[in-house]
């Protein structure tokens, strides 16, 4: 998650919302404006949320089920460490995995008004063993 409104975070919602949205006391979900890089390994067809029905990498804006772009990537849960680089430069987003660019997208109407950055995961009743290690962030002028 990046350029997220950290003042709007509450209790992260469960499962398929991958901690990208919050849960309200009445059980409804609250979108938290911003962007996210998504690695999805759980296929579910309810509500049209997983349009690809296979492992994919995607870019999310504000609502988890409204991906801007999704690209199939079968090696996400292959029990192997992967090197991932994600860049965001004046609207150009790119995700490189093990030296290969797997996703590239230009965001024409960007919102830089928030400064939050973080990680989220959700598996609901399922299980997953994905780990983030050696995270680094570079910020250029």
N, C-alpha and C. Protein backbone atom coordinates (compact mmCIF):
# COMPACT_ATOMS: atom_id res chain seq x y z
N UNK A 1 0.85 -1.17 0.00
CA UNK A 1 0.00 0.00 0.00
C UNK A 1 0.89 1.23 0.00
N UNK A 2 0.53 2.21 -0.78
CA UNK A 2 1.31 3.44 -0.80
C UNK A 2 0.38 4.60 -1.14
N UNK A 3 0.79 5.78 -0.70
CA UNK A 3 -0.07 6.98 -0.78
C UNK A 3 -1.46 6.66 -0.23
N UNK A 4 -1.47 6.06 0.96
CA UNK A 4 -2.72 5.73 1.64
C UNK A 4 -2.97 6.76 2.73
N UNK A 5 -4.24 6.95 3.04
CA UNK A 5 -4.67 7.88 4.08
C UNK A 5 -4.58 7.17 5.42
N UNK A 6 -3.43 7.26 6.08
CA UNK A 6 -3.24 6.52 7.33
C UNK A 6 -4.15 7.01 8.44
N UNK A 7 -4.66 8.23 8.37
CA UNK A 7 -5.58 8.71 9.40
C UNK A 7 -6.93 8.01 9.31
N UNK A 8 -7.23 7.38 8.20
CA UNK A 8 -8.52 6.71 8.02
C UNK A 8 -8.48 5.24 8.40
N UNK A 9 -7.30 4.71 8.76
CA UNK A 9 -7.23 3.29 9.10
C UNK A 9 -7.97 3.01 10.38
N UNK A 10 -8.65 1.92 10.38
CA UNK A 10 -9.32 1.41 11.57
C UNK A 10 -8.96 -0.06 11.65
N UNK A 11 -9.93 -0.90 11.97
CA UNK A 11 -9.69 -2.33 12.01
C UNK A 11 -9.67 -2.85 10.58
N UNK A 12 -8.56 -3.42 10.14
CA UNK A 12 -8.52 -3.94 8.77
C UNK A 12 -9.58 -5.01 8.58
N UNK A 13 -10.19 -5.00 7.40
CA UNK A 13 -11.17 -6.02 7.09
C UNK A 13 -10.47 -7.34 6.81
N UNK A 14 -11.22 -8.39 6.81
CA UNK A 14 -10.65 -9.73 6.76
C UNK A 14 -10.54 -10.28 5.34
N UNK A 15 -9.88 -11.40 5.26
CA UNK A 15 -9.87 -12.24 4.06
C UNK A 15 -9.55 -11.54 2.77
N UNK A 16 -10.49 -11.57 1.86
CA UNK A 16 -10.25 -11.10 0.50
C UNK A 16 -9.97 -9.60 0.42
N UNK A 17 -10.19 -8.85 1.50
CA UNK A 17 -9.89 -7.41 1.49
C UNK A 17 -8.41 -7.14 1.77
N UNK A 18 -7.66 -8.16 2.14
CA UNK A 18 -6.20 -8.10 2.27
C UNK A 18 -5.72 -6.92 3.11
N UNK A 19 -6.49 -6.54 4.10
CA UNK A 19 -6.16 -5.43 4.99
C UNK A 19 -6.07 -4.10 4.25
N UNK A 20 -6.60 -4.02 3.04
CA UNK A 20 -6.54 -2.79 2.25
C UNK A 20 -7.70 -1.86 2.59
N UNK A 21 -8.78 -2.42 3.08
CA UNK A 21 -9.95 -1.65 3.50
C UNK A 21 -10.21 -1.93 4.97
N UNK A 22 -10.99 -1.07 5.62
CA UNK A 22 -11.28 -1.26 7.04
C UNK A 22 -12.69 -1.81 7.21
N UNK A 23 -12.96 -2.29 8.42
CA UNK A 23 -14.28 -2.79 8.75
C UNK A 23 -14.94 -1.81 9.70
N UNK A 24 -16.17 -1.44 9.40
CA UNK A 24 -16.94 -0.54 10.26
C UNK A 24 -17.66 -1.35 11.33
N UNK A 25 -18.04 -0.70 12.44
CA UNK A 25 -18.75 -1.40 13.50
C UNK A 25 -20.02 -2.11 13.03
N UNK A 26 -20.66 -1.60 11.99
CA UNK A 26 -21.89 -2.24 11.50
C UNK A 26 -21.61 -3.39 10.53
N UNK A 27 -20.32 -3.71 10.32
CA UNK A 27 -19.97 -4.82 9.43
C UNK A 27 -19.69 -4.41 8.00
N UNK A 28 -19.96 -3.15 7.65
CA UNK A 28 -19.69 -2.69 6.29
C UNK A 28 -18.20 -2.41 6.14
N UNK A 29 -17.76 -2.27 4.91
CA UNK A 29 -16.36 -2.00 4.63
C UNK A 29 -16.17 -0.54 4.26
N UNK A 30 -15.01 0.00 4.64
CA UNK A 30 -14.70 1.38 4.37
C UNK A 30 -13.44 1.47 3.52
N UNK A 31 -13.55 1.94 2.28
CA UNK A 31 -12.36 2.10 1.46
C UNK A 31 -11.44 3.17 2.06
N UNK A 32 -10.15 2.93 1.99
CA UNK A 32 -9.16 3.91 2.43
C UNK A 32 -8.40 4.34 1.18
N UNK A 33 -8.58 5.60 0.78
CA UNK A 33 -8.02 6.09 -0.48
C UNK A 33 -6.52 5.86 -0.57
N UNK A 34 -6.08 5.41 -1.73
CA UNK A 34 -4.67 5.19 -1.99
C UNK A 34 -4.47 4.05 -2.97
N UNK A 35 -3.25 3.57 -3.05
CA UNK A 35 -2.87 2.57 -4.04
C UNK A 35 -2.20 1.37 -3.38
N UNK A 36 -2.18 0.27 -4.09
CA UNK A 36 -1.50 -0.91 -3.58
C UNK A 36 -1.01 -1.80 -4.70
N UNK A 37 0.08 -2.50 -4.40
CA UNK A 37 0.59 -3.56 -5.27
C UNK A 37 0.06 -4.86 -4.69
N UNK A 38 -0.61 -5.64 -5.49
CA UNK A 38 -1.31 -6.83 -4.99
C UNK A 38 -0.70 -8.09 -5.59
N UNK A 39 -0.44 -9.06 -4.71
CA UNK A 39 -0.07 -10.41 -5.11
C UNK A 39 -1.21 -11.31 -4.67
N UNK A 40 -1.91 -11.89 -5.59
CA UNK A 40 -3.11 -12.67 -5.27
C UNK A 40 -2.91 -14.13 -5.65
N UNK A 41 -3.11 -15.01 -4.68
CA UNK A 41 -2.97 -16.45 -4.93
C UNK A 41 -4.23 -17.23 -4.63
N UNK A 42 -5.25 -16.52 -4.18
CA UNK A 42 -6.49 -17.20 -3.79
C UNK A 42 -7.58 -16.84 -4.78
N UNK A 43 -8.05 -17.81 -5.51
CA UNK A 43 -9.05 -17.55 -6.53
C UNK A 43 -10.45 -17.69 -5.94
N UNK A 44 -11.22 -16.63 -6.13
CA UNK A 44 -12.61 -16.63 -5.68
C UNK A 44 -13.41 -15.82 -6.70
N UNK A 45 -14.55 -16.33 -7.05
CA UNK A 45 -15.31 -15.68 -8.12
C UNK A 45 -16.45 -14.82 -7.60
N UNK A 46 -16.66 -14.73 -6.28
CA UNK A 46 -17.79 -13.96 -5.78
C UNK A 46 -17.61 -12.48 -6.09
N UNK A 47 -18.66 -11.86 -6.50
CA UNK A 47 -18.67 -10.43 -6.73
C UNK A 47 -17.75 -9.95 -7.84
N UNK A 48 -17.20 -10.87 -8.62
CA UNK A 48 -16.32 -10.46 -9.70
C UNK A 48 -14.99 -9.92 -9.24
N UNK A 49 -14.60 -10.21 -7.99
CA UNK A 49 -13.38 -9.63 -7.42
C UNK A 49 -12.12 -10.21 -8.06
N UNK A 50 -12.08 -11.47 -8.34
CA UNK A 50 -10.93 -12.10 -9.00
C UNK A 50 -11.32 -12.40 -10.43
N UNK A 51 -11.09 -11.44 -11.29
CA UNK A 51 -11.50 -11.61 -12.69
C UNK A 51 -10.67 -12.66 -13.41
N UNK A 52 -9.41 -12.85 -13.00
CA UNK A 52 -8.53 -13.78 -13.72
C UNK A 52 -8.69 -15.23 -13.26
N UNK A 53 -9.09 -15.45 -12.02
CA UNK A 53 -9.22 -16.79 -11.44
C UNK A 53 -7.93 -17.59 -11.57
N UNK A 54 -6.80 -16.90 -11.36
CA UNK A 54 -5.49 -17.53 -11.30
C UNK A 54 -4.57 -16.58 -10.53
N UNK A 55 -3.39 -17.04 -10.16
CA UNK A 55 -2.44 -16.17 -9.45
C UNK A 55 -2.12 -14.97 -10.32
N UNK A 56 -2.05 -13.79 -9.68
CA UNK A 56 -1.74 -12.59 -10.46
C UNK A 56 -1.09 -11.51 -9.60
N UNK A 57 -0.50 -10.54 -10.30
CA UNK A 57 0.02 -9.32 -9.71
C UNK A 57 -0.86 -8.20 -10.23
N UNK A 58 -1.23 -7.28 -9.36
CA UNK A 58 -2.11 -6.20 -9.80
C UNK A 58 -1.83 -4.90 -9.08
N UNK A 59 -2.42 -3.84 -9.60
CA UNK A 59 -2.39 -2.52 -8.97
C UNK A 59 -3.81 -2.19 -8.56
N UNK A 60 -3.98 -1.82 -7.29
CA UNK A 60 -5.29 -1.50 -6.73
C UNK A 60 -5.35 0.00 -6.47
N UNK A 61 -6.54 0.57 -6.65
CA UNK A 61 -6.77 1.95 -6.24
C UNK A 61 -7.99 1.99 -5.35
N UNK A 62 -7.79 2.29 -4.09
CA UNK A 62 -8.81 2.54 -3.07
C UNK A 62 -9.65 1.33 -2.68
N UNK A 63 -10.20 0.60 -3.63
CA UNK A 63 -11.07 -0.53 -3.33
C UNK A 63 -10.45 -1.81 -3.87
N UNK A 64 -10.34 -2.82 -3.03
CA UNK A 64 -9.63 -4.04 -3.39
C UNK A 64 -10.18 -4.71 -4.65
N UNK A 65 -11.47 -4.65 -4.87
CA UNK A 65 -12.06 -5.33 -6.03
C UNK A 65 -12.13 -4.45 -7.27
N UNK A 66 -11.40 -3.35 -7.27
CA UNK A 66 -11.36 -2.47 -8.45
C UNK A 66 -9.92 -2.29 -8.90
N UNK A 67 -9.30 -3.37 -9.28
CA UNK A 67 -7.92 -3.29 -9.73
C UNK A 67 -7.83 -2.45 -10.99
N UNK A 68 -6.77 -1.66 -11.07
CA UNK A 68 -6.50 -0.88 -12.27
C UNK A 68 -5.95 -1.79 -13.36
N UNK A 69 -5.14 -2.76 -12.95
CA UNK A 69 -4.54 -3.70 -13.89
C UNK A 69 -4.22 -4.99 -13.13
N UNK A 70 -4.38 -6.11 -13.79
CA UNK A 70 -4.04 -7.42 -13.24
C UNK A 70 -3.29 -8.20 -14.31
N UNK A 71 -2.18 -8.83 -13.92
CA UNK A 71 -1.37 -9.59 -14.86
C UNK A 71 -1.13 -10.98 -14.29
N UNK A 72 -1.45 -12.04 -15.03
CA UNK A 72 -1.21 -13.40 -14.51
C UNK A 72 0.26 -13.60 -14.14
N UNK A 73 0.49 -14.23 -13.00
CA UNK A 73 1.85 -14.57 -12.58
C UNK A 73 1.76 -15.81 -11.71
N UNK A 74 2.06 -16.94 -12.27
CA UNK A 74 1.87 -18.23 -11.60
C UNK A 74 2.89 -18.57 -10.54
N UNK A 75 4.02 -17.87 -10.47
CA UNK A 75 5.09 -18.26 -9.56
C UNK A 75 5.00 -17.61 -8.19
N UNK A 76 3.90 -17.01 -7.84
CA UNK A 76 3.80 -16.30 -6.56
C UNK A 76 3.95 -17.24 -5.38
N UNK A 77 3.28 -18.36 -5.39
CA UNK A 77 3.30 -19.28 -4.24
C UNK A 77 4.02 -20.58 -4.57
N UNK A 78 5.24 -20.46 -5.13
CA UNK A 78 5.98 -21.64 -5.55
C UNK A 78 7.06 -22.07 -4.56
N UNK A 79 6.96 -21.60 -3.30
CA UNK A 79 7.90 -21.96 -2.23
C UNK A 79 9.34 -21.57 -2.56
N UNK A 80 9.49 -20.47 -3.29
CA UNK A 80 10.80 -19.96 -3.67
C UNK A 80 10.87 -18.48 -3.32
N UNK A 81 12.03 -18.03 -2.83
CA UNK A 81 12.22 -16.61 -2.58
C UNK A 81 12.30 -15.88 -3.91
N UNK A 82 11.64 -14.75 -4.02
CA UNK A 82 11.68 -13.93 -5.22
C UNK A 82 12.13 -12.53 -4.87
N UNK A 83 12.87 -11.92 -5.77
CA UNK A 83 13.27 -10.53 -5.62
C UNK A 83 12.25 -9.68 -6.37
N UNK A 84 11.61 -8.77 -5.64
CA UNK A 84 10.58 -7.92 -6.23
C UNK A 84 11.00 -6.46 -6.11
N UNK A 85 10.88 -5.74 -7.20
CA UNK A 85 11.14 -4.31 -7.20
C UNK A 85 9.89 -3.62 -7.74
N UNK A 86 9.42 -2.63 -7.00
CA UNK A 86 8.25 -1.87 -7.43
C UNK A 86 8.65 -0.41 -7.51
N UNK A 87 8.37 0.21 -8.65
CA UNK A 87 8.71 1.62 -8.81
C UNK A 87 7.46 2.43 -9.13
N UNK A 88 7.45 3.66 -8.63
CA UNK A 88 6.38 4.62 -8.88
C UNK A 88 7.06 5.94 -9.17
N UNK A 89 7.03 6.34 -10.42
CA UNK A 89 7.75 7.54 -10.84
C UNK A 89 6.86 8.40 -11.72
N UNK A 90 6.35 9.50 -11.15
CA UNK A 90 5.48 10.43 -11.88
C UNK A 90 4.34 9.72 -12.61
N UNK A 91 3.77 8.74 -11.94
CA UNK A 91 2.62 8.04 -12.50
C UNK A 91 2.93 6.74 -13.20
N UNK A 92 4.18 6.49 -13.50
CA UNK A 92 4.55 5.22 -14.13
C UNK A 92 4.83 4.20 -13.03
N UNK A 93 4.07 3.13 -13.03
CA UNK A 93 4.23 2.07 -12.05
C UNK A 93 4.80 0.85 -12.76
N UNK A 94 5.72 0.17 -12.10
CA UNK A 94 6.29 -1.04 -12.68
C UNK A 94 6.63 -2.02 -11.57
N UNK A 95 6.39 -3.29 -11.82
CA UNK A 95 6.74 -4.35 -10.89
C UNK A 95 7.66 -5.32 -11.62
N UNK A 96 8.85 -5.47 -11.07
CA UNK A 96 9.85 -6.39 -11.63
C UNK A 96 10.04 -7.53 -10.64
N UNK A 97 9.94 -8.75 -11.12
CA UNK A 97 10.13 -9.92 -10.27
C UNK A 97 11.27 -10.74 -10.86
N UNK A 98 12.29 -10.98 -10.04
CA UNK A 98 13.47 -11.73 -10.45
C UNK A 98 14.07 -11.18 -11.74
N UNK A 99 14.11 -9.84 -11.84
CA UNK A 99 14.73 -9.19 -12.97
C UNK A 99 13.87 -9.03 -14.20
N UNK A 100 12.64 -9.52 -14.18
CA UNK A 100 11.75 -9.41 -15.34
C UNK A 100 10.56 -8.51 -15.00
N UNK A 101 10.31 -7.50 -15.81
CA UNK A 101 9.16 -6.63 -15.60
C UNK A 101 7.90 -7.40 -15.95
N UNK A 102 7.05 -7.60 -14.96
CA UNK A 102 5.82 -8.37 -15.17
C UNK A 102 4.60 -7.48 -15.26
N UNK A 103 4.74 -6.23 -14.81
CA UNK A 103 3.60 -5.32 -14.81
C UNK A 103 4.12 -3.90 -15.02
N UNK A 104 3.48 -3.18 -15.93
CA UNK A 104 3.81 -1.78 -16.15
C UNK A 104 2.49 -1.06 -16.44
N UNK A 105 2.31 0.08 -15.79
CA UNK A 105 1.03 0.78 -15.91
C UNK A 105 1.26 2.26 -15.68
N UNK A 106 0.59 3.11 -16.47
CA UNK A 106 0.68 4.55 -16.27
C UNK A 106 -0.60 5.04 -15.62
N UNK A 107 -0.46 5.70 -14.49
CA UNK A 107 -1.58 6.24 -13.73
C UNK A 107 -1.70 7.72 -14.08
N UNK A 108 -2.67 8.07 -14.90
CA UNK A 108 -2.76 9.43 -15.41
C UNK A 108 -3.28 10.44 -14.39
N UNK A 109 -4.19 10.05 -13.53
CA UNK A 109 -4.74 10.97 -12.51
C UNK A 109 -4.30 10.47 -11.14
N UNK A 110 -3.18 11.00 -10.64
CA UNK A 110 -2.58 10.51 -9.41
C UNK A 110 -2.98 11.37 -8.22
N UNK A 111 -3.03 10.73 -7.07
CA UNK A 111 -3.35 11.43 -5.82
C UNK A 111 -2.15 11.28 -4.89
N UNK A 112 -1.40 12.36 -4.70
CA UNK A 112 -0.24 12.35 -3.82
C UNK A 112 -0.56 12.93 -2.44
N UNK A 113 -1.82 13.07 -2.13
CA UNK A 113 -2.19 13.78 -0.90
C UNK A 113 -1.95 13.00 0.38
N UNK A 114 -1.67 11.72 0.29
CA UNK A 114 -1.46 10.93 1.51
C UNK A 114 -0.04 10.39 1.55
N UNK A 115 0.44 10.12 2.75
CA UNK A 115 1.83 9.70 2.91
C UNK A 115 2.00 8.33 3.53
N UNK A 116 0.93 7.61 3.75
CA UNK A 116 1.04 6.30 4.38
C UNK A 116 1.61 5.25 3.45
N UNK A 117 2.33 4.30 4.04
CA UNK A 117 2.83 3.15 3.30
C UNK A 117 2.80 1.97 4.26
N UNK A 118 2.48 0.79 3.75
CA UNK A 118 2.42 -0.36 4.64
C UNK A 118 2.18 -1.65 3.90
N UNK A 119 2.01 -2.71 4.68
CA UNK A 119 1.78 -4.04 4.14
C UNK A 119 0.49 -4.59 4.73
N UNK A 120 -0.20 -5.40 3.98
CA UNK A 120 -1.40 -6.05 4.48
C UNK A 120 -1.53 -7.41 3.84
N UNK A 121 -2.23 -8.29 4.53
CA UNK A 121 -2.47 -9.62 3.99
C UNK A 121 -3.78 -10.12 4.56
N UNK A 122 -4.43 -10.95 3.83
CA UNK A 122 -5.66 -11.54 4.32
C UNK A 122 -5.87 -12.89 3.67
N UNK A 123 -6.13 -13.87 4.49
CA UNK A 123 -6.40 -15.20 3.95
C UNK A 123 -7.73 -15.75 4.42
N UNK A 124 -8.43 -15.00 5.27
CA UNK A 124 -9.70 -15.50 5.78
C UNK A 124 -9.49 -16.83 6.48
N UNK A 125 -10.29 -17.82 6.13
CA UNK A 125 -10.15 -19.14 6.73
C UNK A 125 -9.09 -19.99 6.06
N UNK A 126 -8.50 -19.49 5.00
CA UNK A 126 -7.46 -20.24 4.29
C UNK A 126 -6.11 -19.94 4.92
N UNK A 127 -5.07 -20.57 4.45
CA UNK A 127 -3.73 -20.31 4.95
C UNK A 127 -2.81 -20.01 3.79
N UNK A 128 -1.76 -19.28 4.11
CA UNK A 128 -0.77 -18.93 3.11
C UNK A 128 0.54 -18.69 3.82
N UNK A 129 1.64 -18.90 3.14
CA UNK A 129 2.95 -18.75 3.76
C UNK A 129 3.81 -17.84 2.90
N UNK A 130 3.40 -16.59 2.80
CA UNK A 130 4.16 -15.63 2.01
C UNK A 130 4.81 -14.64 2.97
N UNK A 131 6.08 -14.36 2.74
CA UNK A 131 6.88 -13.57 3.67
C UNK A 131 7.51 -12.40 2.93
N UNK A 132 7.53 -11.24 3.57
CA UNK A 132 8.26 -10.08 3.05
C UNK A 132 9.51 -9.96 3.89
N UNK A 133 10.66 -9.89 3.23
CA UNK A 133 11.93 -9.83 3.94
C UNK A 133 12.82 -8.80 3.25
N UNK A 134 13.67 -8.15 4.02
CA UNK A 134 14.63 -7.19 3.48
C UNK A 134 13.97 -6.08 2.67
N UNK A 135 12.93 -5.50 3.22
CA UNK A 135 12.21 -4.41 2.56
C UNK A 135 13.06 -3.15 2.62
N UNK A 136 13.15 -2.46 1.48
CA UNK A 136 13.84 -1.18 1.41
C UNK A 136 13.00 -0.21 0.61
N UNK A 137 13.08 1.07 0.96
CA UNK A 137 12.37 2.09 0.20
C UNK A 137 13.34 3.21 -0.11
N UNK A 138 13.28 3.67 -1.35
CA UNK A 138 14.08 4.81 -1.80
C UNK A 138 13.12 5.89 -2.26
N UNK A 139 13.41 7.12 -1.87
CA UNK A 139 12.61 8.26 -2.28
C UNK A 139 13.55 9.25 -2.95
N UNK A 140 13.20 9.63 -4.17
CA UNK A 140 14.02 10.60 -4.91
C UNK A 140 13.26 11.89 -5.08
N UNK A 141 13.97 12.96 -5.25
CA UNK A 141 13.33 14.26 -5.50
C UNK A 141 12.86 14.33 -6.92
